[in-house]
């Protein structure tokens, strides 16, 4: 019906929610913890 859209690096540092998580965990800790 319309053009689909997603963005590379759409999850990451531009989002406040992600920056809050990064105060607690490193990037590798997030990658290695499936729930995160």
ModelCIF file with pLDDT and N, C-alpha, C, O atoms, coordinates in Angstrom:
data_MODEL
#
_entry.id   MODEL 
#
_entity.id                         1 
_entity.type                       polymer 
_entity.pdbx_number_of_molecules   1 
#
_entity_poly.entity_id                      1 
_entity_poly.type                           'polypeptide(L)' 
_entity_poly.nstd_linkage                   no 
_entity_poly.nstd_monomer                   no 
_entity_poly.pdbx_seq_one_letter_code       
;(UNK)(UNK)(UNK)(UNK)(UNK)(UNK)(UNK)(UNK)(UNK)(UNK)(UNK)(UNK)(UNK)(UNK)(UNK)(UNK)
(UNK)(UNK)(UNK)(UNK)(UNK)(UNK)(UNK)(UNK)(UNK)(UNK)(UNK)(UNK)(UNK)(UNK)(UNK)(UNK)
(UNK)(UNK)(UNK)(UNK)
;
_entity_poly.pdbx_seq_one_letter_code_can   XXXXXXXXXXXXXXXXXXXXXXXXXXXXXXXXXXXX 
_entity_poly.pdbx_strand_id                 A 
#
loop_
_entity_poly_seq.entity_id 
_entity_poly_seq.num 
_entity_poly_seq.mon_id 
_entity_poly_seq.hetero 
1 1  UNK n 
1 2  UNK n 
1 3  UNK n 
1 4  UNK n 
1 5  UNK n 
1 6  UNK n 
1 7  UNK n 
1 8  UNK n 
1 9  UNK n 
1 10 UNK n 
1 11 UNK n 
1 12 UNK n 
1 13 UNK n 
1 14 UNK n 
1 15 UNK n 
1 16 UNK n 
1 17 UNK n 
1 18 UNK n 
1 19 UNK n 
1 20 UNK n 
1 21 UNK n 
1 22 UNK n 
1 23 UNK n 
1 24 UNK n 
1 25 UNK n 
1 26 UNK n 
1 27 UNK n 
1 28 UNK n 
1 29 UNK n 
1 30 UNK n 
1 31 UNK n 
1 32 UNK n 
1 33 UNK n 
1 34 UNK n 
1 35 UNK n 
1 36 UNK n 
#
_struct_asym.id          A 
_struct_asym.entity_id   1 
#
loop_
_ma_qa_metric.id 
_ma_qa_metric.mode 
_ma_qa_metric.name 
_ma_qa_metric.software_group_id 
_ma_qa_metric.type 
1 global pLDDT . pLDDT 
2 local  pLDDT . pLDDT 
#
_ma_qa_metric_global.metric_id      1 
_ma_qa_metric_global.metric_value   96.67 
_ma_qa_metric_global.model_id       1 
_ma_qa_metric_global.ordinal_id     1 
#
loop_
_ma_qa_metric_local.label_asym_id 
_ma_qa_metric_local.label_comp_id 
_ma_qa_metric_local.label_seq_id 
_ma_qa_metric_local.metric_id 
_ma_qa_metric_local.metric_value 
_ma_qa_metric_local.model_id 
_ma_qa_metric_local.ordinal_id 
A UNK 1  2 94.00 1 1  
A UNK 2  2 96.00 1 2  
A UNK 3  2 97.00 1 3  
A UNK 4  2 98.00 1 4  
A UNK 5  2 98.00 1 5  
A UNK 6  2 98.00 1 6  
A UNK 7  2 98.00 1 7  
A UNK 8  2 97.00 1 8  
A UNK 9  2 96.00 1 9  
A UNK 10 2 97.00 1 10 
A UNK 11 2 96.00 1 11 
A UNK 12 2 94.00 1 12 
A UNK 13 2 94.00 1 13 
A UNK 14 2 97.00 1 14 
A UNK 15 2 97.00 1 15 
A UNK 16 2 97.00 1 16 
A UNK 17 2 97.00 1 17 
A UNK 18 2 98.00 1 18 
A UNK 19 2 97.00 1 19 
A UNK 20 2 97.00 1 20 
A UNK 21 2 97.00 1 21 
A UNK 22 2 96.00 1 22 
A UNK 23 2 96.00 1 23 
A UNK 24 2 97.00 1 24 
A UNK 25 2 96.00 1 25 
A UNK 26 2 95.00 1 26 
A UNK 27 2 95.00 1 27 
A UNK 28 2 95.00 1 28 
A UNK 29 2 97.00 1 29 
A UNK 30 2 97.00 1 30 
A UNK 31 2 97.00 1 31 
A UNK 32 2 97.00 1 32 
A UNK 33 2 98.00 1 33 
A UNK 34 2 98.00 1 34 
A UNK 35 2 98.00 1 35 
A UNK 36 2 98.00 1 36 
#
loop_
_atom_site.group_PDB 
_atom_site.id 
_atom_site.type_symbol 
_atom_site.label_atom_id 
_atom_site.label_alt_id 
_atom_site.label_comp_id 
_atom_site.label_asym_id 
_atom_site.label_entity_id 
_atom_site.label_seq_id 
_atom_site.pdbx_PDB_ins_code 
_atom_site.Cartn_x 
_atom_site.Cartn_y 
_atom_site.Cartn_z 
_atom_site.occupancy 
_atom_site.B_iso_or_equiv 
_atom_site.pdbx_formal_charge 
_atom_site.auth_seq_id 
_atom_site.auth_comp_id 
_atom_site.auth_asym_id 
_atom_site.auth_atom_id 
_atom_site.pdbx_PDB_model_num 
ATOM 1   N N  . UNK A 1 1  ? 0.823  -1.210  0.000  1.00 94.00 ? 1  UNK A N  1 
ATOM 2   C CA . UNK A 1 1  ? 0.000  0.000   0.000  1.00 94.00 ? 1  UNK A CA 1 
ATOM 3   C C  . UNK A 1 1  ? 0.858  1.263   0.000  1.00 94.00 ? 1  UNK A C  1 
ATOM 4   O O  . UNK A 1 1  ? 0.611  2.200   -0.758 1.00 94.00 ? 1  UNK A O  1 
ATOM 5   N N  . UNK A 1 2  ? 1.874  1.267   0.868  1.00 96.00 ? 2  UNK A N  1 
ATOM 6   C CA . UNK A 1 2  ? 2.842  2.367   0.924  1.00 96.00 ? 2  UNK A CA 1 
ATOM 7   C C  . UNK A 1 2  ? 4.234  1.753   0.987  1.00 96.00 ? 2  UNK A C  1 
ATOM 8   O O  . UNK A 1 2  ? 4.377  0.537   1.110  1.00 96.00 ? 2  UNK A O  1 
ATOM 9   N N  . UNK A 1 3  ? 5.233  2.577   0.905  1.00 97.00 ? 3  UNK A N  1 
ATOM 10  C CA . UNK A 1 3  ? 6.616  2.097   0.939  1.00 97.00 ? 3  UNK A CA 1 
ATOM 11  C C  . UNK A 1 3  ? 7.010  1.740   2.371  1.00 97.00 ? 3  UNK A C  1 
ATOM 12  O O  . UNK A 1 3  ? 6.858  2.563   3.273  1.00 97.00 ? 3  UNK A O  1 
ATOM 13  N N  . UNK A 1 4  ? 7.511  0.533   2.590  1.00 98.00 ? 4  UNK A N  1 
ATOM 14  C CA . UNK A 1 4  ? 7.970  0.187   3.946  1.00 98.00 ? 4  UNK A CA 1 
ATOM 15  C C  . UNK A 1 4  ? 9.255  0.928   4.294  1.00 98.00 ? 4  UNK A C  1 
ATOM 16  O O  . UNK A 1 4  ? 10.021 1.316   3.411  1.00 98.00 ? 4  UNK A O  1 
ATOM 17  N N  . UNK A 1 5  ? 9.478  1.116   5.580  1.00 98.00 ? 5  UNK A N  1 
ATOM 18  C CA . UNK A 1 5  ? 10.647 1.862   6.019  1.00 98.00 ? 5  UNK A CA 1 
ATOM 19  C C  . UNK A 1 5  ? 11.223 1.250   7.290  1.00 98.00 ? 5  UNK A C  1 
ATOM 20  O O  . UNK A 1 5  ? 10.488 0.908   8.216  1.00 98.00 ? 5  UNK A O  1 
ATOM 21  N N  . UNK A 1 6  ? 12.520 1.120   7.323  1.00 98.00 ? 6  UNK A N  1 
ATOM 22  C CA . UNK A 1 6  ? 13.266 0.884   8.563  1.00 98.00 ? 6  UNK A CA 1 
ATOM 23  C C  . UNK A 1 6  ? 14.601 1.578   8.380  1.00 98.00 ? 6  UNK A C  1 
ATOM 24  O O  . UNK A 1 6  ? 14.954 1.956   7.263  1.00 98.00 ? 6  UNK A O  1 
ATOM 25  N N  . UNK A 1 7  ? 15.356 1.752   9.471  1.00 98.00 ? 7  UNK A N  1 
ATOM 26  C CA . UNK A 1 7  ? 16.604 2.497   9.398  1.00 98.00 ? 7  UNK A CA 1 
ATOM 27  C C  . UNK A 1 7  ? 17.745 1.676   9.996  1.00 98.00 ? 7  UNK A C  1 
ATOM 28  O O  . UNK A 1 7  ? 17.608 1.078   11.063 1.00 98.00 ? 7  UNK A O  1 
ATOM 29  N N  . UNK A 1 8  ? 18.863 1.660   9.289  1.00 97.00 ? 8  UNK A N  1 
ATOM 30  C CA . UNK A 1 8  ? 20.049 1.050   9.871  1.00 97.00 ? 8  UNK A CA 1 
ATOM 31  C C  . UNK A 1 8  ? 20.461 1.824   11.126 1.00 97.00 ? 8  UNK A C  1 
ATOM 32  O O  . UNK A 1 8  ? 20.413 3.054   11.159 1.00 97.00 ? 8  UNK A O  1 
ATOM 33  N N  . UNK A 1 9  ? 20.868 1.073   12.160 1.00 96.00 ? 9  UNK A N  1 
ATOM 34  C CA . UNK A 1 9  ? 21.148 1.601   13.501 1.00 96.00 ? 9  UNK A CA 1 
ATOM 35  C C  . UNK A 1 9  ? 19.912 2.270   14.095 1.00 96.00 ? 9  UNK A C  1 
ATOM 36  O O  . UNK A 1 9  ? 20.029 3.262   14.815 1.00 96.00 ? 9  UNK A O  1 
ATOM 37  N N  . UNK A 1 10 ? 18.733 1.733   13.798 1.00 97.00 ? 10 UNK A N  1 
ATOM 38  C CA . UNK A 1 10 ? 17.523 2.347   14.336 1.00 97.00 ? 10 UNK A CA 1 
ATOM 39  C C  . UNK A 1 10 ? 17.417 2.161   15.846 1.00 97.00 ? 10 UNK A C  1 
ATOM 40  O O  . UNK A 1 10 ? 16.709 2.917   16.512 1.00 97.00 ? 10 UNK A O  1 
ATOM 41  N N  . UNK A 1 11 ? 18.103 1.177   16.389 1.00 96.00 ? 11 UNK A N  1 
ATOM 42  C CA . UNK A 1 11 ? 18.220 1.040   17.843 1.00 96.00 ? 11 UNK A CA 1 
ATOM 43  C C  . UNK A 1 11 ? 19.608 1.519   18.236 1.00 96.00 ? 11 UNK A C  1 
ATOM 44  O O  . UNK A 1 11 ? 20.608 1.005   17.735 1.00 96.00 ? 11 UNK A O  1 
ATOM 45  N N  . UNK A 1 12 ? 19.676 2.505   19.132 1.00 94.00 ? 12 UNK A N  1 
ATOM 46  C CA . UNK A 1 12 ? 20.998 2.990   19.494 1.00 94.00 ? 12 UNK A CA 1 
ATOM 47  C C  . UNK A 1 12 ? 20.991 4.328   20.189 1.00 94.00 ? 12 UNK A C  1 
ATOM 48  O O  . UNK A 1 12 ? 19.996 4.729   20.793 1.00 94.00 ? 12 UNK A O  1 
ATOM 49  N N  . UNK A 1 13 ? 22.117 5.014   20.095 1.00 94.00 ? 13 UNK A N  1 
ATOM 50  C CA . UNK A 1 13 ? 22.402 6.133   20.995 1.00 94.00 ? 13 UNK A CA 1 
ATOM 51  C C  . UNK A 1 13 ? 21.558 7.376   20.764 1.00 94.00 ? 13 UNK A C  1 
ATOM 52  O O  . UNK A 1 13 ? 21.560 8.263   21.617 1.00 94.00 ? 13 UNK A O  1 
ATOM 53  N N  . UNK A 1 14 ? 20.840 7.483   19.661 1.00 97.00 ? 14 UNK A N  1 
ATOM 54  C CA . UNK A 1 14 ? 19.988 8.658   19.471 1.00 97.00 ? 14 UNK A CA 1 
ATOM 55  C C  . UNK A 1 14 ? 18.734 8.580   20.333 1.00 97.00 ? 14 UNK A C  1 
ATOM 56  O O  . UNK A 1 14 ? 18.022 9.572   20.486 1.00 97.00 ? 14 UNK A O  1 
ATOM 57  N N  . UNK A 1 15 ? 18.456 7.384   20.908 1.00 97.00 ? 15 UNK A N  1 
ATOM 58  C CA . UNK A 1 15 ? 17.255 7.182   21.714 1.00 97.00 ? 15 UNK A CA 1 
ATOM 59  C C  . UNK A 1 15 ? 17.578 7.296   23.208 1.00 97.00 ? 15 UNK A C  1 
ATOM 60  O O  . UNK A 1 15 ? 18.545 6.705   23.690 1.00 97.00 ? 15 UNK A O  1 
ATOM 61  N N  . UNK A 1 16 ? 16.758 8.060   23.931 1.00 97.00 ? 16 UNK A N  1 
ATOM 62  C CA . UNK A 1 16 ? 16.998 8.262   25.366 1.00 97.00 ? 16 UNK A CA 1 
ATOM 63  C C  . UNK A 1 16 ? 16.928 6.939   26.127 1.00 97.00 ? 16 UNK A C  1 
ATOM 64  O O  . UNK A 1 16 ? 17.687 6.729   27.073 1.00 97.00 ? 16 UNK A O  1 
ATOM 65  N N  . UNK A 1 17 ? 16.021 6.045   25.722 1.00 97.00 ? 17 UNK A N  1 
ATOM 66  C CA . UNK A 1 17 ? 15.883 4.758   26.412 1.00 97.00 ? 17 UNK A CA 1 
ATOM 67  C C  . UNK A 1 17 ? 17.179 3.951   26.333 1.00 97.00 ? 17 UNK A C  1 
ATOM 68  O O  . UNK A 1 17 ? 17.593 3.304   27.295 1.00 97.00 ? 17 UNK A O  1 
ATOM 69  N N  . UNK A 1 18 ? 17.799 4.009   25.169 1.00 98.00 ? 18 UNK A N  1 
ATOM 70  C CA . UNK A 1 18 ? 19.048 3.268   25.000 1.00 98.00 ? 18 UNK A CA 1 
ATOM 71  C C  . UNK A 1 18 ? 20.166 3.896   25.838 1.00 98.00 ? 18 UNK A C  1 
ATOM 72  O O  . UNK A 1 18 ? 20.950 3.181   26.462 1.00 98.00 ? 18 UNK A O  1 
ATOM 73  N N  . UNK A 1 19 ? 20.240 5.204   25.851 1.00 97.00 ? 19 UNK A N  1 
ATOM 74  C CA . UNK A 1 19 ? 21.291 5.873   26.633 1.00 97.00 ? 19 UNK A CA 1 
ATOM 75  C C  . UNK A 1 19 ? 21.153 5.553   28.121 1.00 97.00 ? 19 UNK A C  1 
ATOM 76  O O  . UNK A 1 19 ? 22.153 5.430   28.829 1.00 97.00 ? 19 UNK A O  1 
ATOM 77  N N  . UNK A 1 20 ? 19.923 5.419   28.586 1.00 97.00 ? 20 UNK A N  1 
ATOM 78  C CA . UNK A 1 20 ? 19.715 5.036   29.988 1.00 97.00 ? 20 UNK A CA 1 
ATOM 79  C C  . UNK A 1 20 ? 20.273 3.644   30.261 1.00 97.00 ? 20 UNK A C  1 
ATOM 80  O O  . UNK A 1 20 ? 20.914 3.416   31.287 1.00 97.00 ? 20 UNK A O  1 
ATOM 81  N N  . UNK A 1 21 ? 20.026 2.716   29.340 1.00 97.00 ? 21 UNK A N  1 
ATOM 82  C CA . UNK A 1 21 ? 20.560 1.361   29.508 1.00 97.00 ? 21 UNK A CA 1 
ATOM 83  C C  . UNK A 1 21 ? 22.084 1.370   29.504 1.00 97.00 ? 21 UNK A C  1 
ATOM 84  O O  . UNK A 1 21 ? 22.717 0.631   30.258 1.00 97.00 ? 21 UNK A O  1 
ATOM 85  N N  . UNK A 1 22 ? 22.676 2.215   28.647 1.00 96.00 ? 22 UNK A N  1 
ATOM 86  C CA . UNK A 1 22 ? 24.125 2.240   28.542 1.00 96.00 ? 22 UNK A CA 1 
ATOM 87  C C  . UNK A 1 22 ? 24.789 2.809   29.796 1.00 96.00 ? 22 UNK A C  1 
ATOM 88  O O  . UNK A 1 22 ? 25.992 2.639   29.990 1.00 96.00 ? 22 UNK A O  1 
ATOM 89  N N  . UNK A 1 23 ? 24.016 3.482   30.642 1.00 96.00 ? 23 UNK A N  1 
ATOM 90  C CA . UNK A 1 23 ? 24.573 3.925   31.922 1.00 96.00 ? 23 UNK A CA 1 
ATOM 91  C C  . UNK A 1 23 ? 24.827 2.739   32.850 1.00 96.00 ? 23 UNK A C  1 
ATOM 92  O O  . UNK A 1 23 ? 25.636 2.822   33.774 1.00 96.00 ? 23 UNK A O  1 
ATOM 93  N N  . UNK A 1 24 ? 24.125 1.637   32.592 1.00 97.00 ? 24 UNK A N  1 
ATOM 94  C CA . UNK A 1 24 ? 24.233 0.445   33.436 1.00 97.00 ? 24 UNK A CA 1 
ATOM 95  C C  . UNK A 1 24 ? 25.061 -0.663  32.803 1.00 97.00 ? 24 UNK A C  1 
ATOM 96  O O  . UNK A 1 24 ? 25.681 -1.457  33.510 1.00 97.00 ? 24 UNK A O  1 
ATOM 97  N N  . UNK A 1 25 ? 25.075 -0.721  31.480 1.00 96.00 ? 25 UNK A N  1 
ATOM 98  C CA . UNK A 1 25 ? 25.696 -1.849  30.787 1.00 96.00 ? 25 UNK A CA 1 
ATOM 99  C C  . UNK A 1 25 ? 26.581 -1.355  29.644 1.00 96.00 ? 25 UNK A C  1 
ATOM 100 O O  . UNK A 1 25 ? 26.304 -0.323  29.032 1.00 96.00 ? 25 UNK A O  1 
ATOM 101 N N  . UNK A 1 26 ? 27.645 -2.102  29.365 1.00 95.00 ? 26 UNK A N  1 
ATOM 102 C CA . UNK A 1 26 ? 28.461 -1.819  28.192 1.00 95.00 ? 26 UNK A CA 1 
ATOM 103 C C  . UNK A 1 26 ? 27.746 -2.348  26.948 1.00 95.00 ? 26 UNK A C  1 
ATOM 104 O O  . UNK A 1 26 ? 26.782 -3.109  27.040 1.00 95.00 ? 26 UNK A O  1 
ATOM 105 N N  . UNK A 1 27 ? 28.240 -1.928  25.791 1.00 95.00 ? 27 UNK A N  1 
ATOM 106 C CA . UNK A 1 27 ? 27.677 -2.420  24.537 1.00 95.00 ? 27 UNK A CA 1 
ATOM 107 C C  . UNK A 1 27 ? 27.777 -3.939  24.457 1.00 95.00 ? 27 UNK A C  1 
ATOM 108 O O  . UNK A 1 27 ? 26.814 -4.607  24.081 1.00 95.00 ? 27 UNK A O  1 
ATOM 109 N N  . UNK A 1 28 ? 28.934 -4.482  24.808 1.00 95.00 ? 28 UNK A N  1 
ATOM 110 C CA . UNK A 1 28 ? 29.097 -5.932  24.725 1.00 95.00 ? 28 UNK A CA 1 
ATOM 111 C C  . UNK A 1 28 ? 28.205 -6.654  25.728 1.00 95.00 ? 28 UNK A C  1 
ATOM 112 O O  . UNK A 1 28 ? 27.707 -7.741  25.436 1.00 95.00 ? 28 UNK A O  1 
ATOM 113 N N  . UNK A 1 29 ? 27.995 -6.066  26.906 1.00 97.00 ? 29 UNK A N  1 
ATOM 114 C CA . UNK A 1 29 ? 27.091 -6.695  27.878 1.00 97.00 ? 29 UNK A CA 1 
ATOM 115 C C  . UNK A 1 29 ? 25.670 -6.764  27.336 1.00 97.00 ? 29 UNK A C  1 
ATOM 116 O O  . UNK A 1 29 ? 24.973 -7.757  27.542 1.00 97.00 ? 29 UNK A O  1 
ATOM 117 N N  . UNK A 1 30 ? 25.236 -5.714  26.645 1.00 97.00 ? 30 UNK A N  1 
ATOM 118 C CA . UNK A 1 30 ? 23.900 -5.740  26.045 1.00 97.00 ? 30 UNK A CA 1 
ATOM 119 C C  . UNK A 1 30 ? 23.837 -6.804  24.960 1.00 97.00 ? 30 UNK A C  1 
ATOM 120 O O  . UNK A 1 30 ? 22.878 -7.574  24.895 1.00 97.00 ? 30 UNK A O  1 
ATOM 121 N N  . UNK A 1 31 ? 24.867 -6.849  24.099 1.00 97.00 ? 31 UNK A N  1 
ATOM 122 C CA . UNK A 1 31 ? 24.879 -7.834  23.022 1.00 97.00 ? 31 UNK A CA 1 
ATOM 123 C C  . UNK A 1 31 ? 24.875 -9.266  23.555 1.00 97.00 ? 31 UNK A C  1 
ATOM 124 O O  . UNK A 1 31 ? 24.265 -10.152 22.955 1.00 97.00 ? 31 UNK A O  1 
ATOM 125 N N  . UNK A 1 32 ? 25.551 -9.492  24.675 1.00 97.00 ? 32 UNK A N  1 
ATOM 126 C CA . UNK A 1 32 ? 25.709 -10.849 25.188 1.00 97.00 ? 32 UNK A CA 1 
ATOM 127 C C  . UNK A 1 32 ? 24.617 -11.265 26.164 1.00 97.00 ? 32 UNK A C  1 
ATOM 128 O O  . UNK A 1 32 ? 24.647 -12.373 26.699 1.00 97.00 ? 32 UNK A O  1 
ATOM 129 N N  . UNK A 1 33 ? 23.647 -10.373 26.397 1.00 98.00 ? 33 UNK A N  1 
ATOM 130 C CA . UNK A 1 33 ? 22.519 -10.690 27.289 1.00 98.00 ? 33 UNK A CA 1 
ATOM 131 C C  . UNK A 1 33 ? 21.247 -10.659 26.462 1.00 98.00 ? 33 UNK A C  1 
ATOM 132 O O  . UNK A 1 33 ? 20.745 -9.576  26.163 1.00 98.00 ? 33 UNK A O  1 
ATOM 133 N N  . UNK A 1 34 ? 20.707 -11.812 26.082 1.00 98.00 ? 34 UNK A N  1 
ATOM 134 C CA . UNK A 1 34 ? 19.570 -11.841 25.159 1.00 98.00 ? 34 UNK A CA 1 
ATOM 135 C C  . UNK A 1 34 ? 18.392 -10.981 25.583 1.00 98.00 ? 34 UNK A C  1 
ATOM 136 O O  . UNK A 1 34 ? 17.736 -10.374 24.737 1.00 98.00 ? 34 UNK A O  1 
ATOM 137 N N  . UNK A 1 35 ? 18.111 -10.919 26.890 1.00 98.00 ? 35 UNK A N  1 
ATOM 138 C CA . UNK A 1 35 ? 16.977 -10.123 27.344 1.00 98.00 ? 35 UNK A CA 1 
ATOM 139 C C  . UNK A 1 35 ? 17.207 -8.627  27.096 1.00 98.00 ? 35 UNK A C  1 
ATOM 140 O O  . UNK A 1 35 ? 16.270 -7.895  26.779 1.00 98.00 ? 35 UNK A O  1 
ATOM 141 N N  . UNK A 1 36 ? 18.459 -8.181  27.243 1.00 98.00 ? 36 UNK A N  1 
ATOM 142 C CA . UNK A 1 36 ? 18.772 -6.778  26.966 1.00 98.00 ? 36 UNK A CA 1 
ATOM 143 C C  . UNK A 1 36 ? 18.766 -6.501  25.465 1.00 98.00 ? 36 UNK A C  1 
ATOM 144 O O  . UNK A 1 36 ? 19.009 -5.370  25.044 1.00 98.00 ? 36 UNK A O  1 
#
